[in-house]
């Protein structure tokens, strides 16, 4: 199955945009907010996430719409939830932007573990707990990083 995904053009594009999103998302999450650098890297992250999520709907793994497609929709909602406040600039817009975009990055890393589990582990009936553990640990670490960054920004 991995061969089919990686050897298709859509699979390669999906893979490359995932790597770009993971890299740029981490940079944005861990660097100073509001700078020109933050905005430029952030736009690359958003664009790569949009392409990543859209291409996911062209990859069929389990005979049709799957949990991966559901989480692609959740991911798109978090991207739009993070970007709309920057466009509208209403009261408390920065807090909404920060939390939605930060959780978008954490969700991307959680999706990474699900991909590794389905592509490389093989029989998910026997090893689903490994993916669940890695995903849970990633979400926990991500929540700590977000909390630390929010404290620096004086968010509650």
N, C-alpha and C. Protein backbone atom coordinates (compact mmCIF):
# COMPACT_ATOMS: atom_id res chain seq x y z
N UNK A 1 0.82 -1.19 0.00
CA UNK A 1 0.00 0.00 0.00
C UNK A 1 0.87 1.26 0.00
N UNK A 2 1.95 1.28 0.78
CA UNK A 2 2.85 2.43 0.80
C UNK A 2 3.38 2.71 -0.59
N UNK A 3 3.76 1.65 -1.30
CA UNK A 3 4.26 1.83 -2.67
C UNK A 3 3.25 2.54 -3.54
N UNK A 4 1.98 2.14 -3.44
CA UNK A 4 0.93 2.76 -4.24
C UNK A 4 0.80 4.24 -3.92
N UNK A 5 0.84 4.58 -2.64
CA UNK A 5 0.67 5.98 -2.24
C UNK A 5 1.86 6.81 -2.67
N UNK A 6 3.06 6.36 -2.33
CA UNK A 6 4.26 7.15 -2.61
C UNK A 6 4.56 7.20 -4.11
N UNK A 7 4.20 6.18 -4.84
CA UNK A 7 4.51 6.15 -6.26
C UNK A 7 3.45 6.82 -7.13
N UNK A 8 2.41 7.31 -6.53
CA UNK A 8 1.45 8.10 -7.29
C UNK A 8 1.83 9.57 -7.16
N UNK A 9 1.48 10.34 -8.15
CA UNK A 9 1.79 11.78 -8.11
C UNK A 9 1.09 12.45 -6.93
N UNK A 10 -0.16 12.10 -6.71
CA UNK A 10 -0.91 12.72 -5.60
C UNK A 10 -0.29 12.31 -4.27
N UNK A 11 0.18 11.07 -4.17
CA UNK A 11 0.82 10.59 -2.95
C UNK A 11 2.11 11.34 -2.66
N UNK A 12 2.90 11.54 -3.69
CA UNK A 12 4.14 12.30 -3.52
C UNK A 12 3.85 13.73 -3.09
N UNK A 13 2.89 14.35 -3.76
CA UNK A 13 2.53 15.72 -3.43
C UNK A 13 2.03 15.81 -1.98
N UNK A 14 1.20 14.86 -1.59
CA UNK A 14 0.70 14.80 -0.22
C UNK A 14 1.84 14.66 0.78
N UNK A 15 2.76 13.77 0.49
CA UNK A 15 3.92 13.53 1.35
C UNK A 15 4.79 14.79 1.48
N UNK A 16 5.08 15.43 0.37
CA UNK A 16 5.94 16.63 0.38
C UNK A 16 5.26 17.78 1.14
N UNK A 17 3.96 17.97 0.90
CA UNK A 17 3.28 19.05 1.63
C UNK A 17 3.21 18.74 3.13
N UNK A 18 3.13 17.47 3.48
CA UNK A 18 3.13 17.09 4.90
C UNK A 18 4.47 17.46 5.55
N UNK A 19 5.56 17.16 4.87
CA UNK A 19 6.89 17.49 5.40
C UNK A 19 7.04 19.00 5.54
N UNK A 20 6.62 19.74 4.52
CA UNK A 20 6.70 21.20 4.58
C UNK A 20 5.86 21.73 5.74
N UNK A 21 4.65 21.21 5.89
CA UNK A 21 3.76 21.66 6.97
C UNK A 21 4.35 21.35 8.34
N UNK A 22 4.91 20.15 8.50
CA UNK A 22 5.50 19.79 9.81
C UNK A 22 6.66 20.72 10.14
N UNK A 23 7.49 20.98 9.17
CA UNK A 23 8.66 21.84 9.37
C UNK A 23 8.24 23.28 9.67
N UNK A 24 7.39 23.86 8.82
CA UNK A 24 7.01 25.26 9.01
C UNK A 24 6.11 25.44 10.23
N UNK A 25 5.25 24.47 10.49
CA UNK A 25 4.39 24.56 11.67
C UNK A 25 5.19 24.58 12.95
N UNK A 26 6.22 23.77 13.02
CA UNK A 26 7.08 23.74 14.20
C UNK A 26 7.82 25.06 14.37
N UNK A 27 8.31 25.59 13.26
CA UNK A 27 9.03 26.87 13.32
C UNK A 27 8.11 27.97 13.84
N UNK A 28 6.90 28.04 13.30
CA UNK A 28 5.95 29.08 13.72
C UNK A 28 5.56 28.91 15.19
N UNK A 29 5.33 27.67 15.59
CA UNK A 29 4.91 27.40 16.96
C UNK A 29 5.97 27.82 17.98
N UNK A 30 7.24 27.62 17.63
CA UNK A 30 8.32 27.84 18.60
C UNK A 30 9.03 29.19 18.49
N UNK A 31 8.64 30.02 17.53
CA UNK A 31 9.29 31.31 17.38
C UNK A 31 8.37 32.45 17.79
N UNK A 32 8.96 33.64 17.85
CA UNK A 32 8.24 34.84 18.27
C UNK A 32 7.07 35.10 17.33
N UNK A 33 5.94 35.46 17.92
CA UNK A 33 4.71 35.68 17.17
C UNK A 33 4.62 37.12 16.68
N UNK A 34 3.94 37.29 15.54
CA UNK A 34 3.64 38.61 15.00
C UNK A 34 4.72 39.24 14.15
N UNK A 35 5.86 38.61 14.04
CA UNK A 35 6.95 39.18 13.24
C UNK A 35 6.70 38.90 11.75
N UNK A 36 7.43 39.58 10.91
CA UNK A 36 7.35 39.33 9.47
C UNK A 36 7.75 37.88 9.18
N UNK A 37 8.76 37.38 9.86
CA UNK A 37 9.19 35.99 9.70
C UNK A 37 8.05 35.04 10.05
N UNK A 38 7.38 35.29 11.18
CA UNK A 38 6.25 34.47 11.61
C UNK A 38 5.16 34.45 10.53
N UNK A 39 4.83 35.60 10.00
CA UNK A 39 3.76 35.69 9.00
C UNK A 39 4.14 34.96 7.72
N UNK A 40 5.36 35.15 7.27
CA UNK A 40 5.79 34.48 6.01
C UNK A 40 5.81 32.97 6.15
N UNK A 41 6.42 32.48 7.23
CA UNK A 41 6.46 31.04 7.45
C UNK A 41 5.05 30.51 7.72
N UNK A 42 4.25 31.30 8.42
CA UNK A 42 2.86 30.92 8.71
C UNK A 42 2.03 30.75 7.45
N UNK A 43 2.21 31.63 6.49
CA UNK A 43 1.47 31.49 5.23
C UNK A 43 1.91 30.25 4.47
N UNK A 44 3.18 29.92 4.54
CA UNK A 44 3.65 28.68 3.91
C UNK A 44 3.01 27.48 4.61
N UNK A 45 2.93 27.55 5.94
CA UNK A 45 2.28 26.48 6.70
C UNK A 45 0.82 26.33 6.27
N UNK A 46 0.09 27.42 6.24
CA UNK A 46 -1.34 27.38 5.90
C UNK A 46 -1.53 26.82 4.49
N UNK A 47 -0.75 27.31 3.55
CA UNK A 47 -0.87 26.83 2.16
C UNK A 47 -0.55 25.34 2.07
N UNK A 48 0.51 24.91 2.74
CA UNK A 48 0.87 23.49 2.70
C UNK A 48 -0.20 22.64 3.38
N UNK A 49 -0.79 23.14 4.47
CA UNK A 49 -1.86 22.39 5.14
C UNK A 49 -3.10 22.30 4.27
N UNK A 50 -3.44 23.38 3.58
CA UNK A 50 -4.60 23.33 2.69
C UNK A 50 -4.38 22.29 1.59
N UNK A 51 -3.20 22.30 1.00
CA UNK A 51 -2.90 21.33 -0.07
C UNK A 51 -2.85 19.91 0.49
N UNK A 52 -2.26 19.75 1.67
CA UNK A 52 -2.17 18.45 2.32
C UNK A 52 -3.56 17.89 2.58
N UNK A 53 -4.42 18.69 3.16
CA UNK A 53 -5.77 18.23 3.47
C UNK A 53 -6.59 17.96 2.22
N UNK A 54 -6.48 18.82 1.23
CA UNK A 54 -7.24 18.60 0.00
C UNK A 54 -6.78 17.32 -0.72
N UNK A 55 -5.49 17.10 -0.78
CA UNK A 55 -5.01 15.88 -1.45
C UNK A 55 -5.40 14.62 -0.68
N UNK A 56 -5.62 14.74 0.62
CA UNK A 56 -5.99 13.55 1.40
C UNK A 56 -7.30 12.95 0.90
N UNK A 57 -8.17 13.77 0.34
CA UNK A 57 -9.46 13.26 -0.15
C UNK A 57 -9.32 12.46 -1.44
N UNK A 58 -8.16 12.53 -2.07
CA UNK A 58 -7.92 11.75 -3.28
C UNK A 58 -7.17 10.45 -2.98
N UNK A 59 -6.85 10.23 -1.72
CA UNK A 59 -6.16 9.01 -1.31
C UNK A 59 -7.18 8.14 -0.58
N UNK A 60 -7.46 6.99 -1.15
CA UNK A 60 -8.45 6.08 -0.58
C UNK A 60 -7.72 4.86 -0.05
N UNK A 61 -7.77 4.66 1.27
CA UNK A 61 -7.06 3.56 1.90
C UNK A 61 -7.97 2.42 2.35
N UNK A 62 -9.14 2.77 2.82
CA UNK A 62 -10.00 1.78 3.45
C UNK A 62 -11.34 1.65 2.72
N UNK A 63 -11.28 1.71 1.40
CA UNK A 63 -12.48 1.49 0.59
C UNK A 63 -13.39 2.69 0.46
N UNK A 64 -13.00 3.84 0.91
CA UNK A 64 -13.83 5.05 0.80
C UNK A 64 -13.51 6.04 1.90
N UNK A 65 -14.50 6.81 2.28
CA UNK A 65 -14.33 7.81 3.33
C UNK A 65 -13.93 7.11 4.63
N UNK A 66 -12.86 7.59 5.25
CA UNK A 66 -12.35 6.94 6.46
C UNK A 66 -12.15 7.96 7.57
N UNK A 67 -11.68 7.48 8.68
CA UNK A 67 -11.39 8.36 9.82
C UNK A 67 -10.32 9.40 9.45
N UNK A 68 -9.42 9.04 8.53
CA UNK A 68 -8.39 9.99 8.10
C UNK A 68 -9.04 11.17 7.37
N UNK A 69 -10.07 10.90 6.58
CA UNK A 69 -10.78 11.98 5.89
C UNK A 69 -11.55 12.85 6.88
N UNK A 70 -12.12 12.22 7.89
CA UNK A 70 -12.80 12.98 8.94
C UNK A 70 -11.83 13.96 9.61
N UNK A 71 -10.63 13.47 9.95
CA UNK A 71 -9.66 14.34 10.61
C UNK A 71 -9.08 15.38 9.66
N UNK A 72 -9.10 15.12 8.36
CA UNK A 72 -8.71 16.15 7.39
C UNK A 72 -9.71 17.30 7.44
N UNK A 73 -10.98 16.98 7.62
CA UNK A 73 -12.00 18.02 7.76
C UNK A 73 -11.78 18.79 9.05
N UNK A 74 -11.50 18.09 10.14
CA UNK A 74 -11.20 18.75 11.43
C UNK A 74 -10.00 19.67 11.26
N UNK A 75 -8.99 19.20 10.54
CA UNK A 75 -7.79 20.01 10.30
C UNK A 75 -8.13 21.27 9.51
N UNK A 76 -8.95 21.12 8.49
CA UNK A 76 -9.35 22.29 7.71
C UNK A 76 -10.11 23.29 8.57
N UNK A 77 -10.97 22.80 9.44
CA UNK A 77 -11.71 23.68 10.36
C UNK A 77 -10.73 24.44 11.26
N UNK A 78 -9.70 23.75 11.75
CA UNK A 78 -8.74 24.43 12.64
C UNK A 78 -7.93 25.47 11.86
N UNK A 79 -7.60 25.19 10.61
CA UNK A 79 -6.87 26.18 9.79
C UNK A 79 -7.74 27.41 9.56
N UNK A 80 -8.99 27.18 9.15
CA UNK A 80 -9.89 28.32 8.94
C UNK A 80 -10.19 29.03 10.26
N UNK A 81 -10.33 28.27 11.34
CA UNK A 81 -10.55 28.86 12.66
C UNK A 81 -9.38 29.72 13.11
N UNK A 82 -8.19 29.39 12.66
CA UNK A 82 -7.01 30.17 12.99
C UNK A 82 -6.79 31.37 12.08
N UNK A 83 -7.23 31.26 10.84
CA UNK A 83 -6.98 32.34 9.89
C UNK A 83 -8.08 33.41 9.87
N UNK A 84 -9.31 33.00 10.09
CA UNK A 84 -10.40 34.00 10.07
C UNK A 84 -10.20 35.12 11.08
N UNK A 85 -9.76 34.81 12.30
CA UNK A 85 -9.52 35.92 13.25
C UNK A 85 -8.46 36.91 12.76
N UNK A 86 -7.48 36.45 11.99
CA UNK A 86 -6.45 37.37 11.50
C UNK A 86 -7.01 38.29 10.41
N UNK A 87 -8.04 37.83 9.73
CA UNK A 87 -8.65 38.64 8.68
C UNK A 87 -9.64 39.63 9.29
N UNK A 88 -10.45 39.16 10.22
CA UNK A 88 -11.50 40.01 10.81
C UNK A 88 -10.96 40.95 11.88
N UNK A 89 -9.93 40.53 12.60
CA UNK A 89 -9.30 41.33 13.67
C UNK A 89 -10.30 41.87 14.69
N UNK A 90 -11.22 41.02 15.11
CA UNK A 90 -12.16 41.42 16.16
C UNK A 90 -11.49 41.25 17.52
N UNK A 91 -12.23 41.61 18.58
CA UNK A 91 -11.71 41.52 19.93
C UNK A 91 -11.18 40.11 20.21
N UNK A 92 -10.03 40.03 20.85
CA UNK A 92 -9.38 38.77 21.22
C UNK A 92 -9.01 37.90 20.02
N UNK A 93 -8.82 38.49 18.85
CA UNK A 93 -8.53 37.71 17.65
C UNK A 93 -7.24 36.92 17.80
N UNK A 94 -6.24 37.50 18.45
CA UNK A 94 -4.94 36.85 18.53
C UNK A 94 -5.00 35.55 19.33
N UNK A 95 -5.77 35.55 20.39
CA UNK A 95 -5.92 34.33 21.19
C UNK A 95 -6.54 33.20 20.38
N UNK A 96 -7.60 33.51 19.63
CA UNK A 96 -8.23 32.49 18.78
C UNK A 96 -7.24 31.97 17.73
N UNK A 97 -6.55 32.91 17.10
CA UNK A 97 -5.55 32.53 16.09
C UNK A 97 -4.48 31.62 16.70
N UNK A 98 -3.98 32.03 17.85
CA UNK A 98 -2.92 31.27 18.50
C UNK A 98 -3.37 29.84 18.81
N UNK A 99 -4.50 29.70 19.46
CA UNK A 99 -4.93 28.36 19.88
C UNK A 99 -5.31 27.47 18.69
N UNK A 100 -6.07 28.00 17.74
CA UNK A 100 -6.45 27.17 16.59
C UNK A 100 -5.22 26.73 15.80
N UNK A 101 -4.31 27.65 15.56
CA UNK A 101 -3.14 27.30 14.75
C UNK A 101 -2.18 26.38 15.52
N UNK A 102 -2.02 26.61 16.80
CA UNK A 102 -1.15 25.75 17.60
C UNK A 102 -1.69 24.32 17.62
N UNK A 103 -2.99 24.17 17.84
CA UNK A 103 -3.58 22.83 17.85
C UNK A 103 -3.57 22.21 16.46
N UNK A 104 -3.57 23.05 15.44
CA UNK A 104 -3.45 22.53 14.07
C UNK A 104 -2.10 21.82 13.91
N UNK A 105 -1.04 22.43 14.42
CA UNK A 105 0.29 21.83 14.33
C UNK A 105 0.34 20.54 15.15
N UNK A 106 -0.20 20.57 16.34
CA UNK A 106 -0.22 19.35 17.18
C UNK A 106 -1.03 18.25 16.49
N UNK A 107 -2.15 18.61 15.91
CA UNK A 107 -2.95 17.63 15.17
C UNK A 107 -2.19 17.04 14.00
N UNK A 108 -1.39 17.85 13.35
CA UNK A 108 -0.56 17.37 12.24
C UNK A 108 0.42 16.31 12.73
N UNK A 109 1.04 16.56 13.87
CA UNK A 109 1.96 15.57 14.43
C UNK A 109 1.24 14.31 14.88
N UNK A 110 0.04 14.45 15.39
CA UNK A 110 -0.76 13.26 15.74
C UNK A 110 -1.08 12.46 14.48
N UNK A 111 -1.42 13.15 13.41
CA UNK A 111 -1.71 12.48 12.13
C UNK A 111 -0.47 11.76 11.61
N UNK A 112 0.69 12.32 11.88
CA UNK A 112 1.94 11.66 11.48
C UNK A 112 2.02 10.26 12.09
N UNK A 113 1.68 10.14 13.36
CA UNK A 113 1.76 8.83 14.01
C UNK A 113 0.73 7.87 13.43
N UNK A 114 -0.43 8.38 13.10
CA UNK A 114 -1.44 7.52 12.48
C UNK A 114 -0.96 7.04 11.11
N UNK A 115 -0.32 7.91 10.37
CA UNK A 115 0.24 7.52 9.07
C UNK A 115 1.33 6.47 9.23
N UNK A 116 2.22 6.70 10.17
CA UNK A 116 3.29 5.72 10.41
C UNK A 116 2.67 4.37 10.79
N UNK A 117 1.66 4.41 11.64
CA UNK A 117 1.02 3.17 12.06
C UNK A 117 0.37 2.42 10.92
N UNK A 118 -0.33 3.13 10.04
CA UNK A 118 -1.03 2.44 8.96
C UNK A 118 -0.09 2.05 7.83
N UNK A 119 0.98 2.78 7.64
CA UNK A 119 1.87 2.50 6.51
C UNK A 119 2.97 1.49 6.85
N UNK A 120 3.47 1.56 8.08
CA UNK A 120 4.66 0.76 8.39
C UNK A 120 4.42 -0.36 9.40
N UNK A 121 3.48 -0.17 10.30
CA UNK A 121 3.24 -1.21 11.31
C UNK A 121 2.50 -2.38 10.67
N UNK A 122 1.58 -2.08 9.77
CA UNK A 122 0.89 -3.15 9.07
C UNK A 122 -0.44 -3.49 9.69
N UNK A 123 -0.49 -4.53 10.47
CA UNK A 123 -1.74 -5.03 11.04
C UNK A 123 -2.17 -4.15 12.21
N UNK A 124 -3.06 -3.21 11.93
CA UNK A 124 -3.48 -2.26 12.97
C UNK A 124 -4.33 -2.93 14.06
N UNK A 125 -4.93 -4.08 13.77
CA UNK A 125 -5.70 -4.76 14.81
C UNK A 125 -4.82 -5.12 15.99
N UNK A 126 -3.56 -5.45 15.73
CA UNK A 126 -2.65 -5.85 16.79
C UNK A 126 -1.86 -4.67 17.38
N UNK A 127 -1.68 -3.62 16.60
CA UNK A 127 -0.79 -2.54 17.03
C UNK A 127 -1.46 -1.18 17.15
N UNK A 128 -2.80 -1.15 17.15
CA UNK A 128 -3.50 0.12 17.26
C UNK A 128 -3.12 0.86 18.52
N UNK A 129 -2.82 0.13 19.58
CA UNK A 129 -2.49 0.75 20.87
C UNK A 129 -1.19 1.54 20.77
N UNK A 130 -0.26 1.11 19.89
CA UNK A 130 0.98 1.86 19.72
C UNK A 130 0.70 3.23 19.10
N UNK A 131 -0.17 3.24 18.10
CA UNK A 131 -0.55 4.51 17.46
C UNK A 131 -1.30 5.38 18.46
N UNK A 132 -2.22 4.78 19.21
CA UNK A 132 -2.97 5.54 20.21
C UNK A 132 -2.04 6.12 21.27
N UNK A 133 -1.07 5.35 21.72
CA UNK A 133 -0.12 5.82 22.72
C UNK A 133 0.74 6.96 22.17
N UNK A 134 1.27 6.78 20.96
CA UNK A 134 2.09 7.84 20.35
C UNK A 134 1.28 9.10 20.12
N UNK A 135 0.04 8.94 19.67
CA UNK A 135 -0.83 10.10 19.42
C UNK A 135 -1.17 10.80 20.73
N UNK A 136 -1.52 10.03 21.74
CA UNK A 136 -1.83 10.62 23.05
C UNK A 136 -0.65 11.35 23.66
N UNK A 137 0.53 10.74 23.56
CA UNK A 137 1.74 11.37 24.08
C UNK A 137 2.05 12.66 23.32
N UNK A 138 1.87 12.61 22.01
CA UNK A 138 2.10 13.80 21.18
C UNK A 138 1.14 14.92 21.57
N UNK A 139 -0.14 14.58 21.75
CA UNK A 139 -1.13 15.58 22.15
C UNK A 139 -0.80 16.15 23.53
N UNK A 140 -0.34 15.29 24.45
CA UNK A 140 0.02 15.75 25.79
C UNK A 140 1.21 16.72 25.73
N UNK A 141 2.26 16.32 25.03
CA UNK A 141 3.44 17.19 24.89
C UNK A 141 3.04 18.49 24.20
N UNK A 142 2.22 18.38 23.14
CA UNK A 142 1.75 19.57 22.43
C UNK A 142 0.98 20.50 23.34
N UNK A 143 0.15 19.94 24.21
CA UNK A 143 -0.62 20.78 25.13
C UNK A 143 0.30 21.52 26.09
N UNK A 144 1.39 20.87 26.50
CA UNK A 144 2.35 21.52 27.40
C UNK A 144 3.07 22.66 26.67
N UNK A 145 3.46 22.43 25.42
CA UNK A 145 4.14 23.47 24.63
C UNK A 145 3.19 24.64 24.41
N UNK A 146 1.94 24.35 24.05
CA UNK A 146 0.96 25.42 23.84
C UNK A 146 0.74 26.20 25.13
N UNK A 147 0.62 25.50 26.25
CA UNK A 147 0.41 26.17 27.54
C UNK A 147 1.60 27.07 27.87
N UNK A 148 2.82 26.57 27.63
CA UNK A 148 4.02 27.37 27.89
C UNK A 148 4.04 28.61 27.02
N UNK A 149 3.75 28.44 25.73
CA UNK A 149 3.76 29.58 24.80
C UNK A 149 2.64 30.57 25.14
N UNK A 150 1.47 30.05 25.53
CA UNK A 150 0.36 30.92 25.91
C UNK A 150 0.72 31.75 27.14
N UNK A 151 1.43 31.15 28.06
CA UNK A 151 1.86 31.88 29.26
C UNK A 151 2.81 33.02 28.88
N UNK A 152 3.71 32.75 27.96
CA UNK A 152 4.63 33.81 27.49
C UNK A 152 3.86 34.97 26.87
N UNK A 153 2.74 34.64 26.22
CA UNK A 153 1.93 35.66 25.54
C UNK A 153 0.85 36.24 26.44
N UNK A 154 0.85 35.83 27.71
CA UNK A 154 -0.12 36.29 28.71
C UNK A 154 -1.55 35.89 28.39
N UNK A 155 -1.71 34.71 27.77
CA UNK A 155 -3.04 34.13 27.58
C UNK A 155 -3.33 33.28 28.80
N UNK A 156 -4.60 33.07 29.07
CA UNK A 156 -4.98 32.23 30.19
C UNK A 156 -5.23 30.82 29.74
